């Protein structure tokens, strides 16, 4: 299994933060099915203020770029969800390219 950690900010608006959490408390079934289909076994998101951290545990052959493409193309509702979530988020300066989420680099593992 592979593990990935990402970070992004939510827009600085309490109502945006509330809505983001509300959506995630009732995530659309098309989205969860698609995430599992692309090889994600576990996905968790934590929040501190407006900063989000997402942890993904995925199959050994999981490629984040390819998985994201397949996920977004899997169903119209998935693309609708992703666009909706993008509207709540604010990219961090470290995010590469056009993406909003920035992959974090592991620096320590308890031996």
PDB file of N, CA and C in Angstrom:
ATOM      1  N   UNK A   1       0.834  -1.182   0.000  1.00  0.00           N
ATOM      2  CA  UNK A   1       0.000   0.000   0.000  1.00  0.00           C
ATOM      3  C   UNK A   1       0.879   1.247   0.000  1.00  0.00           C
ATOM      4  N   UNK A   2       0.388   2.273  -0.670  1.00  0.00           N
ATOM      5  CA  UNK A   2       1.068   3.570  -0.717  1.00  0.00           C
ATOM      6  C   UNK A   2       0.290   4.557   0.142  1.00  0.00           C
ATOM      7  N   UNK A   3       0.992   5.552   0.655  1.00  0.00           N
ATOM      8  CA  UNK A   3       0.366   6.581   1.473  1.00  0.00           C
ATOM      9  C   UNK A   3       0.751   7.955   0.925  1.00  0.00           C
ATOM     10  N   UNK A   4      -0.230   8.851   0.865  1.00  0.00           N
ATOM     11  CA  UNK A   4      -0.017  10.206   0.372  1.00  0.00           C
ATOM     12  C   UNK A   4      -0.661  11.181   1.352  1.00  0.00           C
ATOM     13  N   UNK A   5      -0.038  12.349   1.503  1.00  0.00           N
ATOM     14  CA  UNK A   5      -0.576  13.413   2.332  1.00  0.00           C
ATOM     15  C   UNK A   5      -0.589  14.692   1.512  1.00  0.00           C
ATOM     16  N   UNK A   6      -1.716  15.395   1.562  1.00  0.00           N
ATOM     17  CA  UNK A   6      -1.880  16.623   0.789  1.00  0.00           C
ATOM     18  C   UNK A   6      -2.427  17.712   1.700  1.00  0.00           C
ATOM     19  N   UNK A   7      -2.219  18.965   1.296  1.00  0.00           N
ATOM     20  CA  UNK A   7      -2.778  20.086   2.048  1.00  0.00           C
ATOM     21  C   UNK A   7      -3.348  21.126   1.091  1.00  0.00           C
ATOM     22  N   UNK A   8      -4.353  21.836   1.577  1.00  0.00           N
ATOM     23  CA  UNK A   8      -4.993  22.925   0.848  1.00  0.00           C
ATOM     24  C   UNK A   8      -5.658  23.818   1.884  1.00  0.00           C
ATOM     25  N   UNK A   9      -5.972  25.032   1.509  1.00  0.00           N
ATOM     26  CA  UNK A   9      -6.736  25.920   2.382  1.00  0.00           C
ATOM     27  C   UNK A   9      -8.164  26.015   1.876  1.00  0.00           C
ATOM     28  N   UNK A  10      -9.076  26.199   2.810  1.00  0.00           N
ATOM     29  CA  UNK A  10     -10.431  26.584   2.434  1.00  0.00           C
ATOM     30  C   UNK A  10     -10.466  28.107   2.341  1.00  0.00           C
ATOM     31  N   UNK A  11     -11.406  28.632   1.580  1.00  0.00           N
ATOM     32  CA  UNK A  11     -11.554  30.091   1.527  1.00  0.00           C
ATOM     33  C   UNK A  11     -11.816  30.594   2.943  1.00  0.00           C
ATOM     34  N   UNK A  12     -11.367  31.782   3.230  1.00  0.00           N
ATOM     35  CA  UNK A  12     -11.455  32.358   4.577  1.00  0.00           C
ATOM     36  C   UNK A  12     -12.852  32.933   4.818  1.00  0.00           C
ATOM     37  N   UNK A  13     -13.809  32.018   5.006  1.00  0.00           N
ATOM     38  CA  UNK A  13     -15.201  32.404   5.180  1.00  0.00           C
ATOM     39  C   UNK A  13     -15.878  31.299   5.999  1.00  0.00           C
ATOM     40  N   UNK A  14     -16.373  31.615   7.191  1.00  0.00           N
ATOM     41  CA  UNK A  14     -16.987  30.587   8.041  1.00  0.00           C
ATOM     42  C   UNK A  14     -18.129  29.823   7.345  1.00  0.00           C
ATOM     43  N   UNK A  15     -18.871  30.482   6.488  1.00  0.00           N
ATOM     44  CA  UNK A  15     -19.968  29.809   5.782  1.00  0.00           C
ATOM     45  C   UNK A  15     -19.427  28.807   4.766  1.00  0.00           C
ATOM     46  N   UNK A  16     -18.344  29.137   4.090  1.00  0.00           N
ATOM     47  CA  UNK A  16     -17.700  28.209   3.149  1.00  0.00           C
ATOM     48  C   UNK A  16     -17.219  26.975   3.910  1.00  0.00           C
ATOM     49  N   UNK A  17     -16.587  27.196   5.053  1.00  0.00           N
ATOM     50  CA  UNK A  17     -16.083  26.083   5.857  1.00  0.00           C
ATOM     51  C   UNK A  17     -17.243  25.209   6.315  1.00  0.00           C
ATOM     52  N   UNK A  18     -18.307  25.811   6.768  1.00  0.00           N
ATOM     53  CA  UNK A  18     -19.488  25.059   7.213  1.00  0.00           C
ATOM     54  C   UNK A  18     -20.059  24.214   6.082  1.00  0.00           C
ATOM     55  N   UNK A  19     -20.212  24.823   4.900  1.00  0.00           N
ATOM     56  CA  UNK A  19     -20.763  24.096   3.755  1.00  0.00           C
ATOM     57  C   UNK A  19     -19.851  22.962   3.315  1.00  0.00           C
ATOM     58  N   UNK A  20     -18.547  23.193   3.326  1.00  0.00           N
ATOM     59  CA  UNK A  20     -17.590  22.161   2.932  1.00  0.00           C
ATOM     60  C   UNK A  20     -17.745  20.936   3.837  1.00  0.00           C
ATOM     61  N   UNK A  21     -17.812  21.179   5.135  1.00  0.00           N
ATOM     62  CA  UNK A  21     -17.990  20.068   6.073  1.00  0.00           C
ATOM     63  C   UNK A  21     -19.352  19.404   5.891  1.00  0.00           C
ATOM     64  N   UNK A  22     -20.366  20.204   5.642  1.00  0.00           N
ATOM     65  CA  UNK A  22     -21.711  19.657   5.423  1.00  0.00           C
ATOM     66  C   UNK A  22     -21.722  18.717   4.213  1.00  0.00           C
ATOM     67  N   UNK A  23     -21.107  19.133   3.124  1.00  0.00           N
ATOM     68  CA  UNK A  23     -21.021  18.260   1.941  1.00  0.00           C
ATOM     69  C   UNK A  23     -20.285  16.966   2.267  1.00  0.00           C
ATOM     70  N   UNK A  24     -19.208  17.060   3.010  1.00  0.00           N
ATOM     71  CA  UNK A  24     -18.427  15.864   3.313  1.00  0.00           C
ATOM     72  C   UNK A  24     -19.123  14.941   4.315  1.00  0.00           C
ATOM     73  N   UNK A  25     -20.061  15.463   5.062  1.00  0.00           N
ATOM     74  CA  UNK A  25     -20.864  14.613   5.944  1.00  0.00           C
ATOM     75  C   UNK A  25     -21.917  13.832   5.173  1.00  0.00           C
ATOM     76  N   UNK A  26     -22.136  14.187   3.926  1.00  0.00           N
ATOM     77  CA  UNK A  26     -23.118  13.498   3.072  1.00  0.00           C
ATOM     78  C   UNK A  26     -22.549  13.367   1.663  1.00  0.00           C
ATOM     79  N   UNK A  27     -21.336  12.823   1.575  1.00  0.00           N
ATOM     80  CA  UNK A  27     -20.654  12.713   0.279  1.00  0.00           C
ATOM     81  C   UNK A  27     -21.490  11.885  -0.697  1.00  0.00           C
ATOM     82  N   UNK A  28     -21.480  12.291  -1.940  1.00  0.00           N
ATOM     83  CA  UNK A  28     -22.296  11.631  -2.957  1.00  0.00           C
ATOM     84  C   UNK A  28     -21.760  10.222  -3.227  1.00  0.00           C
ATOM     85  N   UNK A  29     -22.643   9.239  -3.354  1.00  0.00           N
ATOM     86  CA  UNK A  29     -22.198   7.851  -3.555  1.00  0.00           C
ATOM     87  C   UNK A  29     -21.381   7.649  -4.828  1.00  0.00           C
ATOM     88  N   UNK A  30     -21.640   8.425  -5.863  1.00  0.00           N
ATOM     89  CA  UNK A  30     -20.852   8.308  -7.095  1.00  0.00           C
ATOM     90  C   UNK A  30     -19.386   8.652  -6.835  1.00  0.00           C
ATOM     91  N   UNK A  31     -19.171   9.569  -5.918  1.00  0.00           N
ATOM     92  CA  UNK A  31     -17.811  10.005  -5.589  1.00  0.00           C
ATOM     93  C   UNK A  31     -17.080   8.905  -4.825  1.00  0.00           C
ATOM     94  N   UNK A  32     -17.715   8.340  -3.809  1.00  0.00           N
ATOM     95  CA  UNK A  32     -17.048   7.291  -3.038  1.00  0.00           C
ATOM     96  C   UNK A  32     -16.786   6.058  -3.902  1.00  0.00           C
ATOM     97  N   UNK A  33     -17.741   5.690  -4.742  1.00  0.00           N
ATOM     98  CA  UNK A  33     -17.521   4.539  -5.641  1.00  0.00           C
ATOM     99  C   UNK A  33     -16.338   4.784  -6.564  1.00  0.00           C
ATOM    100  N   UNK A  34     -16.240   5.978  -7.110  1.00  0.00           N
ATOM    101  CA  UNK A  34     -15.169   6.317  -8.028  1.00  0.00           C
ATOM    102  C   UNK A  34     -13.807   6.311  -7.322  1.00  0.00           C
ATOM    103  N   UNK A  35     -13.746   6.873  -6.124  1.00  0.00           N
ATOM    104  CA  UNK A  35     -12.485   6.894  -5.378  1.00  0.00           C
ATOM    105  C   UNK A  35     -11.991   5.477  -5.108  1.00  0.00           C
ATOM    106  N   UNK A  36     -12.899   4.611  -4.745  1.00  0.00           N
ATOM    107  CA  UNK A  36     -12.512   3.202  -4.514  1.00  0.00           C
ATOM    108  C   UNK A  36     -12.084   2.536  -5.817  1.00  0.00           C
ATOM    109  N   UNK A  37     -12.765   2.849  -6.898  1.00  0.00           N
ATOM    110  CA  UNK A  37     -12.470   2.222  -8.193  1.00  0.00           C
ATOM    111  C   UNK A  37     -11.086   2.594  -8.724  1.00  0.00           C
ATOM    112  N   UNK A  38     -10.575   3.773  -8.366  1.00  0.00           N
ATOM    113  CA  UNK A  38      -9.252   4.174  -8.851  1.00  0.00           C
ATOM    114  C   UNK A  38      -8.122   3.695  -7.938  1.00  0.00           C
ATOM    115  N   UNK A  39      -8.469   2.953  -6.879  1.00  0.00           N
ATOM    116  CA  UNK A  39      -7.445   2.341  -6.045  1.00  0.00           C
ATOM    117  C   UNK A  39      -7.246   2.936  -4.670  1.00  0.00           C
ATOM    118  N   UNK A  40      -8.111   3.860  -4.273  1.00  0.00           N
ATOM    119  CA  UNK A  40      -7.993   4.453  -2.937  1.00  0.00           C
ATOM    120  C   UNK A  40      -8.689   3.533  -1.939  1.00  0.00           C
ATOM    121  N   UNK A  41      -7.980   3.137  -0.911  1.00  0.00           N
ATOM    122  CA  UNK A  41      -8.518   2.245   0.112  1.00  0.00           C
ATOM    123  C   UNK A  41      -8.973   3.002   1.350  1.00  0.00           C
ATOM    124  N   UNK A  42      -8.319   4.124   1.609  1.00  0.00           N
ATOM    125  CA  UNK A  42      -8.690   4.943   2.763  1.00  0.00           C
ATOM    126  C   UNK A  42      -8.411   6.399   2.419  1.00  0.00           C
ATOM    127  N   UNK A  43      -9.321   7.275   2.784  1.00  0.00           N
ATOM    128  CA  UNK A  43      -9.146   8.709   2.559  1.00  0.00           C
ATOM    129  C   UNK A  43      -9.737   9.424   3.765  1.00  0.00           C
ATOM    130  N   UNK A  44      -8.915  10.257   4.396  1.00  0.00           N
ATOM    131  CA  UNK A  44      -9.364  11.051   5.549  1.00  0.00           C
ATOM    132  C   UNK A  44      -8.928  12.491   5.351  1.00  0.00           C
ATOM    133  N   UNK A  45      -9.771  13.400   5.807  1.00  0.00           N
ATOM    134  CA  UNK A  45      -9.445  14.823   5.749  1.00  0.00           C
ATOM    135  C   UNK A  45      -9.573  15.389   7.158  1.00  0.00           C
ATOM    136  N   UNK A  46      -8.544  16.145   7.573  1.00  0.00           N
ATOM    137  CA  UNK A  46      -8.555  16.849   8.844  1.00  0.00           C
ATOM    138  C   UNK A  46      -8.565  18.347   8.561  1.00  0.00           C
ATOM    139  N   UNK A  47      -9.106  19.119   9.527  1.00  0.00           N
ATOM    140  CA  UNK A  47      -9.137  20.576   9.378  1.00  0.00           C
ATOM    141  C   UNK A  47      -8.617  21.237  10.640  1.00  0.00           C
ATOM    142  N   UNK A  48      -7.805  22.270  10.446  1.00  0.00           N
ATOM    143  CA  UNK A  48      -7.374  23.163  11.515  1.00  0.00           C
ATOM    144  C   UNK A  48      -7.594  24.567  10.982  1.00  0.00           C
ATOM    145  N   UNK A  49      -8.561  25.280  11.549  1.00  0.00           N
ATOM    146  CA  UNK A  49      -8.924  26.578  10.993  1.00  0.00           C
ATOM    147  C   UNK A  49      -9.419  26.380   9.575  1.00  0.00           C
ATOM    148  N   UNK A  50      -8.724  26.966   8.626  1.00  0.00           N
ATOM    149  CA  UNK A  50      -9.123  26.770   7.227  1.00  0.00           C
ATOM    150  C   UNK A  50      -8.154  25.871   6.458  1.00  0.00           C
ATOM    151  N   UNK A  51      -7.130  25.363   7.143  1.00  0.00           N
ATOM    152  CA  UNK A  51      -6.155  24.456   6.532  1.00  0.00           C
ATOM    153  C   UNK A  51      -6.689  23.027   6.585  1.00  0.00           C
ATOM    154  N   UNK A  52      -6.671  22.350   5.430  1.00  0.00           N
ATOM    155  CA  UNK A  52      -7.058  20.944   5.347  1.00  0.00           C
ATOM    156  C   UNK A  52      -5.826  20.098   5.094  1.00  0.00           C
ATOM    157  N   UNK A  53      -5.826  18.900   5.650  1.00  0.00           N
ATOM    158  CA  UNK A  53      -4.819  17.889   5.368  1.00  0.00           C
ATOM    159  C   UNK A  53      -5.574  16.622   5.001  1.00  0.00           C
ATOM    160  N   UNK A  54      -5.204  16.032   3.867  1.00  0.00           N
ATOM    161  CA  UNK A  54      -5.861  14.823   3.384  1.00  0.00           C
ATOM    162  C   UNK A  54      -4.846  13.688   3.328  1.00  0.00           C
ATOM    163  N   UNK A  55      -5.214  12.557   3.922  1.00  0.00           N
ATOM    164  CA  UNK A  55      -4.369  11.359   3.891  1.00  0.00           C
ATOM    165  C   UNK A  55      -5.063  10.312   3.026  1.00  0.00           C
ATOM    166  N   UNK A  56      -4.299   9.775   2.084  1.00  0.00           N
ATOM    167  CA  UNK A  56      -4.800   8.737   1.191  1.00  0.00           C
ATOM    168  C   UNK A  56      -3.924   7.500   1.353  1.00  0.00           C
ATOM    169  N   UNK A  57      -4.567   6.363   1.520  1.00  0.00           N
ATOM    170  CA  UNK A  57      -3.889   5.073   1.464  1.00  0.00           C
ATOM    171  C   UNK A  57      -4.444   4.386   0.223  1.00  0.00           C
ATOM    172  N   UNK A  58      -3.534   3.956  -0.653  1.00  0.00           N
ATOM    173  CA  UNK A  58      -3.948   3.434  -1.952  1.00  0.00           C
ATOM    174  C   UNK A  58      -3.180   2.164  -2.299  1.00  0.00           C
ATOM    175  N   UNK A  59      -3.694   1.482  -3.330  1.00  0.00           N
ATOM    176  CA  UNK A  59      -3.044   0.282  -3.840  1.00  0.00           C
ATOM    177  C   UNK A  59      -1.610   0.591  -4.280  1.00  0.00           C
ATOM    178  N   UNK A  60      -0.771  -0.442  -4.314  1.00  0.00           N
ATOM    179  CA  UNK A  60       0.636  -0.275  -4.699  1.00  0.00           C
ATOM    180  C   UNK A  60       0.806   0.297  -6.103  1.00  0.00           C
ATOM    181  N   UNK A  61      -0.119  -0.001  -7.016  1.00  0.00           N
ATOM    182  CA  UNK A  61       0.006   0.490  -8.393  1.00  0.00           C
ATOM    183  C   UNK A  61      -0.690   1.836  -8.611  1.00  0.00           C
ATOM    184  N   UNK A  62      -1.118   2.479  -7.543  1.00  0.00           N
ATOM    185  CA  UNK A  62      -1.819   3.764  -7.619  1.00  0.00           C
ATOM    186  C   UNK A  62      -0.876   4.864  -8.108  1.00  0.00           C
ATOM    187  N   UNK A  63      -1.328   5.594  -9.120  1.00  0.00           N
ATOM    188  CA  UNK A  63      -0.610   6.762  -9.625  1.00  0.00           C
ATOM    189  C   UNK A  63      -1.553   7.948  -9.451  1.00  0.00           C
ATOM    190  N   UNK A  64      -1.205   8.927  -8.612  1.00  0.00           N
ATOM    191  CA  UNK A  64      -2.141  10.014  -8.310  1.00  0.00           C
ATOM    192  C   UNK A  64      -2.612  10.809  -9.522  1.00  0.00           C
ATOM    193  N   UNK A  65      -1.740  11.051 -10.479  1.00  0.00           N
ATOM    194  CA  UNK A  65      -2.122  11.841 -11.658  1.00  0.00           C
ATOM    195  C   UNK A  65      -3.126  11.063 -12.501  1.00  0.00           C
ATOM    196  N   UNK A  66      -2.810   9.810 -12.788  1.00  0.00           N
ATOM    197  CA  UNK A  66      -3.716   8.972 -13.598  1.00  0.00           C
ATOM    198  C   UNK A  66      -5.021   8.719 -12.862  1.00  0.00           C
ATOM    199  N   UNK A  67      -4.938   8.477 -11.563  1.00  0.00           N
ATOM    200  CA  UNK A  67      -6.145   8.220 -10.773  1.00  0.00           C
ATOM    201  C   UNK A  67      -7.066   9.436 -10.782  1.00  0.00           C
ATOM    202  N   UNK A  68      -6.489  10.623 -10.674  1.00  0.00           N
ATOM    203  CA  UNK A  68      -7.298  11.844 -10.698  1.00  0.00           C
ATOM    204  C   UNK A  68      -8.021  12.000 -12.033  1.00  0.00           C
ATOM    205  N   UNK A  69      -7.325  11.711 -13.112  1.00  0.00           N
ATOM    206  CA  UNK A  69      -7.954  11.799 -14.442  1.00  0.00           C
ATOM    207  C   UNK A  69      -9.098  10.803 -14.566  1.00  0.00           C
ATOM    208  N   UNK A  70      -8.839   9.555 -14.151  1.00  0.00           N
ATOM    209  CA  UNK A  70      -9.880   8.526 -14.240  1.00  0.00           C
ATOM    210  C   UNK A  70     -11.063   8.854 -13.331  1.00  0.00           C
ATOM    211  N   UNK A  71     -10.761   9.352 -12.153  1.00  0.00           N
ATOM    212  CA  UNK A  71     -11.806   9.729 -11.191  1.00  0.00           C
ATOM    213  C   UNK A  71     -12.711  10.812 -11.774  1.00  0.00           C
ATOM    214  N   UNK A  72     -12.128  11.877 -12.283  1.00  0.00           N
ATOM    215  CA  UNK A  72     -12.926  12.986 -12.825  1.00  0.00           C
ATOM    216  C   UNK A  72     -13.736  12.576 -14.054  1.00  0.00           C
ATOM    217  N   UNK A  73     -13.248  11.588 -14.798  1.00  0.00           N
ATOM    218  CA  UNK A  73     -13.943  11.144 -16.012  1.00  0.00           C
ATOM    219  C   UNK A  73     -14.939  10.016 -15.742  1.00  0.00           C
ATOM    220  N   UNK A  74     -15.010   9.541 -14.511  1.00  0.00           N
ATOM    221  CA  UNK A  74     -15.785   8.339 -14.218  1.00  0.00           C
ATOM    222  C   UNK A  74     -17.299   8.535 -14.259  1.00  0.00           C
ATOM    223  N   UNK A  75     -17.769   9.733 -13.942  1.00  0.00           N
ATOM    224  CA  UNK A  75     -19.219   9.976 -13.854  1.00  0.00           C
ATOM    225  C   UNK A  75     -19.447  11.488 -13.825  1.00  0.00           C
ATOM    226  N   UNK A  76     -20.502  11.972 -14.464  1.00  0.00           N
ATOM    227  CA  UNK A  76     -20.768  13.422 -14.439  1.00  0.00           C
ATOM    228  C   UNK A  76     -20.913  13.992 -13.029  1.00  0.00           C
ATOM    229  N   UNK A  77     -21.474  13.209 -12.112  1.00  0.00           N
ATOM    230  CA  UNK A  77     -21.633  13.697 -10.738  1.00  0.00           C
ATOM    231  C   UNK A  77     -20.273  13.858 -10.037  1.00  0.00           C
ATOM    232  N   UNK A  78     -19.311  13.020 -10.394  1.00  0.00           N
ATOM    233  CA  UNK A  78     -17.969  13.143  -9.810  1.00  0.00           C
ATOM    234  C   UNK A  78     -17.346  14.466 -10.246  1.00  0.00           C
ATOM    235  N   UNK A  79     -17.423  14.764 -11.531  1.00  0.00           N
ATOM    236  CA  UNK A  79     -16.881  16.030 -12.022  1.00  0.00           C
ATOM    237  C   UNK A  79     -17.618  17.208 -11.384  1.00  0.00           C
ATOM    238  N   UNK A  80     -18.927  17.103 -11.223  1.00  0.00           N
ATOM    239  CA  UNK A  80     -19.704  18.152 -10.557  1.00  0.00           C
ATOM    240  C   UNK A  80     -19.211  18.342  -9.115  1.00  0.00           C
ATOM    241  N   UNK A  81     -19.001  17.238  -8.408  1.00  0.00           N
ATOM    242  CA  UNK A  81     -18.497  17.290  -7.029  1.00  0.00           C
ATOM    243  C   UNK A  81     -17.130  17.976  -6.974  1.00  0.00           C
ATOM    244  N   UNK A  82     -16.228  17.548  -7.835  1.00  0.00           N
ATOM    245  CA  UNK A  82     -14.871  18.091  -7.822  1.00  0.00           C
ATOM    246  C   UNK A  82     -14.868  19.590  -8.120  1.00  0.00           C
ATOM    247  N   UNK A  83     -15.671  20.009  -9.054  1.00  0.00           N
ATOM    248  CA  UNK A  83     -15.757  21.446  -9.364  1.00  0.00           C
ATOM    249  C   UNK A  83     -16.349  22.221  -8.194  1.00  0.00           C
ATOM    250  N   UNK A  84     -17.348  21.632  -7.552  1.00  0.00           N
ATOM    251  CA  UNK A  84     -17.968  22.266  -6.387  1.00  0.00           C
ATOM    252  C   UNK A  84     -16.944  22.418  -5.262  1.00  0.00           C
ATOM    253  N   UNK A  85     -16.203  21.353  -4.977  1.00  0.00           N
ATOM    254  CA  UNK A  85     -15.193  21.402  -3.908  1.00  0.00           C
ATOM    255  C   UNK A  85     -14.082  22.390  -4.252  1.00  0.00           C
ATOM    256  N   UNK A  86     -13.673  22.424  -5.528  1.00  0.00           N
ATOM    257  CA  UNK A  86     -12.648  23.393  -5.953  1.00  0.00           C
ATOM    258  C   UNK A  86     -13.072  24.821  -5.613  1.00  0.00           C
ATOM    259  N   UNK A  87     -14.366  25.107  -5.681  1.00  0.00           N
ATOM    260  CA  UNK A  87     -14.877  26.441  -5.381  1.00  0.00           C
ATOM    261  C   UNK A  87     -14.759  26.826  -3.918  1.00  0.00           C
ATOM    262  N   UNK A  88     -14.645  25.844  -3.039  1.00  0.00           N
ATOM    263  CA  UNK A  88     -14.478  26.099  -1.610  1.00  0.00           C
ATOM    264  C   UNK A  88     -13.010  26.285  -1.235  1.00  0.00           C
ATOM    265  N   UNK A  89     -12.125  25.796  -2.101  1.00  0.00           N
ATOM    266  CA  UNK A  89     -10.708  25.709  -1.761  1.00  0.00           C
ATOM    267  C   UNK A  89      -9.901  26.866  -2.327  1.00  0.00           C
ATOM    268  N   UNK A  90      -8.776  27.090  -1.669  1.00  0.00           N
ATOM    269  CA  UNK A  90      -7.828  28.126  -2.075  1.00  0.00           C
ATOM    270  C   UNK A  90      -6.453  27.463  -2.131  1.00  0.00           C
ATOM    271  N   UNK A  91      -5.822  27.515  -3.276  1.00  0.00           N
ATOM    272  CA  UNK A  91      -4.537  26.823  -3.410  1.00  0.00           C
ATOM    273  C   UNK A  91      -3.494  27.400  -2.475  1.00  0.00           C
ATOM    274  N   UNK A  92      -2.631  26.535  -2.007  1.00  0.00           N
ATOM    275  CA  UNK A  92      -1.504  26.962  -1.185  1.00  0.00           C
ATOM    276  C   UNK A  92      -0.350  27.302  -2.130  1.00  0.00           C
ATOM    277  N   UNK A  93       0.557  28.182  -1.721  1.00  0.00           N
ATOM    278  CA  UNK A  93       1.646  28.595  -2.623  1.00  0.00           C
ATOM    279  C   UNK A  93       2.483  27.429  -3.141  1.00  0.00           C
ATOM    280  N   UNK A  94       2.565  26.346  -2.375  1.00  0.00           N
ATOM    281  CA  UNK A  94       3.388  25.201  -2.772  1.00  0.00           C
ATOM    282  C   UNK A  94       2.709  24.282  -3.782  1.00  0.00           C
ATOM    283  N   UNK A  95       1.440  24.514  -4.095  1.00  0.00           N
ATOM    284  CA  UNK A  95       0.710  23.640  -5.025  1.00  0.00           C
ATOM    285  C   UNK A  95       1.287  23.793  -6.432  1.00  0.00           C
ATOM    286  N   UNK A  96       1.599  22.662  -7.068  1.00  0.00           N
ATOM    287  CA  UNK A  96       2.181  22.728  -8.419  1.00  0.00           C
ATOM    288  C   UNK A  96       1.115  22.962  -9.484  1.00  0.00           C
ATOM    289  N   UNK A  97       1.519  23.501 -10.608  1.00  0.00           N
ATOM    290  CA  UNK A  97       0.630  23.631 -11.766  1.00  0.00           C
ATOM    291  C   UNK A  97      -0.679  24.316 -11.453  1.00  0.00           C
ATOM    292  N   UNK A  98      -1.744  23.723 -11.958  1.00  0.00           N
ATOM    293  CA  UNK A  98      -3.080  24.301 -11.808  1.00  0.00           C
ATOM    294  C   UNK A  98      -3.831  23.758 -10.603  1.00  0.00           C
ATOM    295  N   UNK A  99      -3.274  22.748  -9.943  1.00  0.00           N
ATOM    296  CA  UNK A  99      -3.970  22.105  -8.842  1.00  0.00           C
ATOM    297  C   UNK A  99      -4.099  22.986  -7.622  1.00  0.00           C
ATOM    298  N   UNK A 100      -4.986  22.583  -6.722  1.00  0.00           N
ATOM    299  CA  UNK A 100      -5.147  23.306  -5.469  1.00  0.00           C
ATOM    300  C   UNK A 100      -4.439  22.584  -4.332  1.00  0.00           C
ATOM    301  N   UNK A 101      -4.540  21.253  -4.305  1.00  0.00           N
ATOM    302  CA  UNK A 101      -3.909  20.468  -3.248  1.00  0.00           C
ATOM    303  C   UNK A 101      -2.410  20.347  -3.517  1.00  0.00           C
ATOM    304  N   UNK A 102      -1.599  20.477  -2.471  1.00  0.00           N
ATOM    305  CA  UNK A 102      -0.148  20.304  -2.576  1.00  0.00           C
ATOM    306  C   UNK A 102       0.236  19.024  -1.844  1.00  0.00           C
ATOM    307  N   UNK A 103       1.021  18.168  -2.514  1.00  0.00           N
ATOM    308  CA  UNK A 103       1.483  16.945  -1.884  1.00  0.00           C
ATOM    309  C   UNK A 103       2.559  17.282  -0.849  1.00  0.00           C
ATOM    310  N   UNK A 104       2.443  16.670   0.320  1.00  0.00           N
ATOM    311  CA  UNK A 104       3.403  16.894   1.390  1.00  0.00           C
ATOM    312  C   UNK A 104       4.471  15.800   1.339  1.00  0.00           C
ATOM    313  N   UNK A 105       5.668  16.155   1.738  1.00  0.00           N
ATOM    314  CA  UNK A 105       6.800  15.237   1.718  1.00  0.00           C
ATOM    315  C   UNK A 105       6.990  14.626   3.102  1.00  0.00           C
ATOM    316  N   UNK A 106       7.030  13.304   3.183  1.00  0.00           N
ATOM    317  CA  UNK A 106       7.285  12.688   4.491  1.00  0.00           C
ATOM    318  C   UNK A 106       8.725  12.960   4.926  1.00  0.00           C
ATOM    319  N   UNK A 107       8.913  13.327   6.180  1.00  0.00           N
ATOM    320  CA  UNK A 107      10.269  13.602   6.662  1.00  0.00           C
ATOM    321  C   UNK A 107      10.645  12.766   7.879  1.00  0.00           C
ATOM    322  N   UNK A 108       9.691  12.078   8.494  1.00  0.00           N
ATOM    323  CA  UNK A 108      10.021  11.287   9.680  1.00  0.00           C
ATOM    324  C   UNK A 108       9.012  10.170   9.830  1.00  0.00           C
ATOM    325  N   UNK A 109       9.523   8.995  10.195  1.00  0.00           N
ATOM    326  CA  UNK A 109       8.691   7.858  10.561  1.00  0.00           C
ATOM    327  C   UNK A 109       9.264   7.298  11.850  1.00  0.00           C
ATOM    328  N   UNK A 110       8.446   7.088  12.832  1.00  0.00           N
ATOM    329  CA  UNK A 110       8.901   6.529  14.091  1.00  0.00           C
ATOM    330  C   UNK A 110       9.492   5.150  13.843  1.00  0.00           C
ATOM    331  N   UNK A 111      10.771   4.983  14.187  1.00  0.00           N
ATOM    332  CA  UNK A 111      11.421   3.678  13.924  1.00  0.00           C
ATOM    333  C   UNK A 111      10.888   2.576  14.834  1.00  0.00           C
TER     334      UNK A 111
END
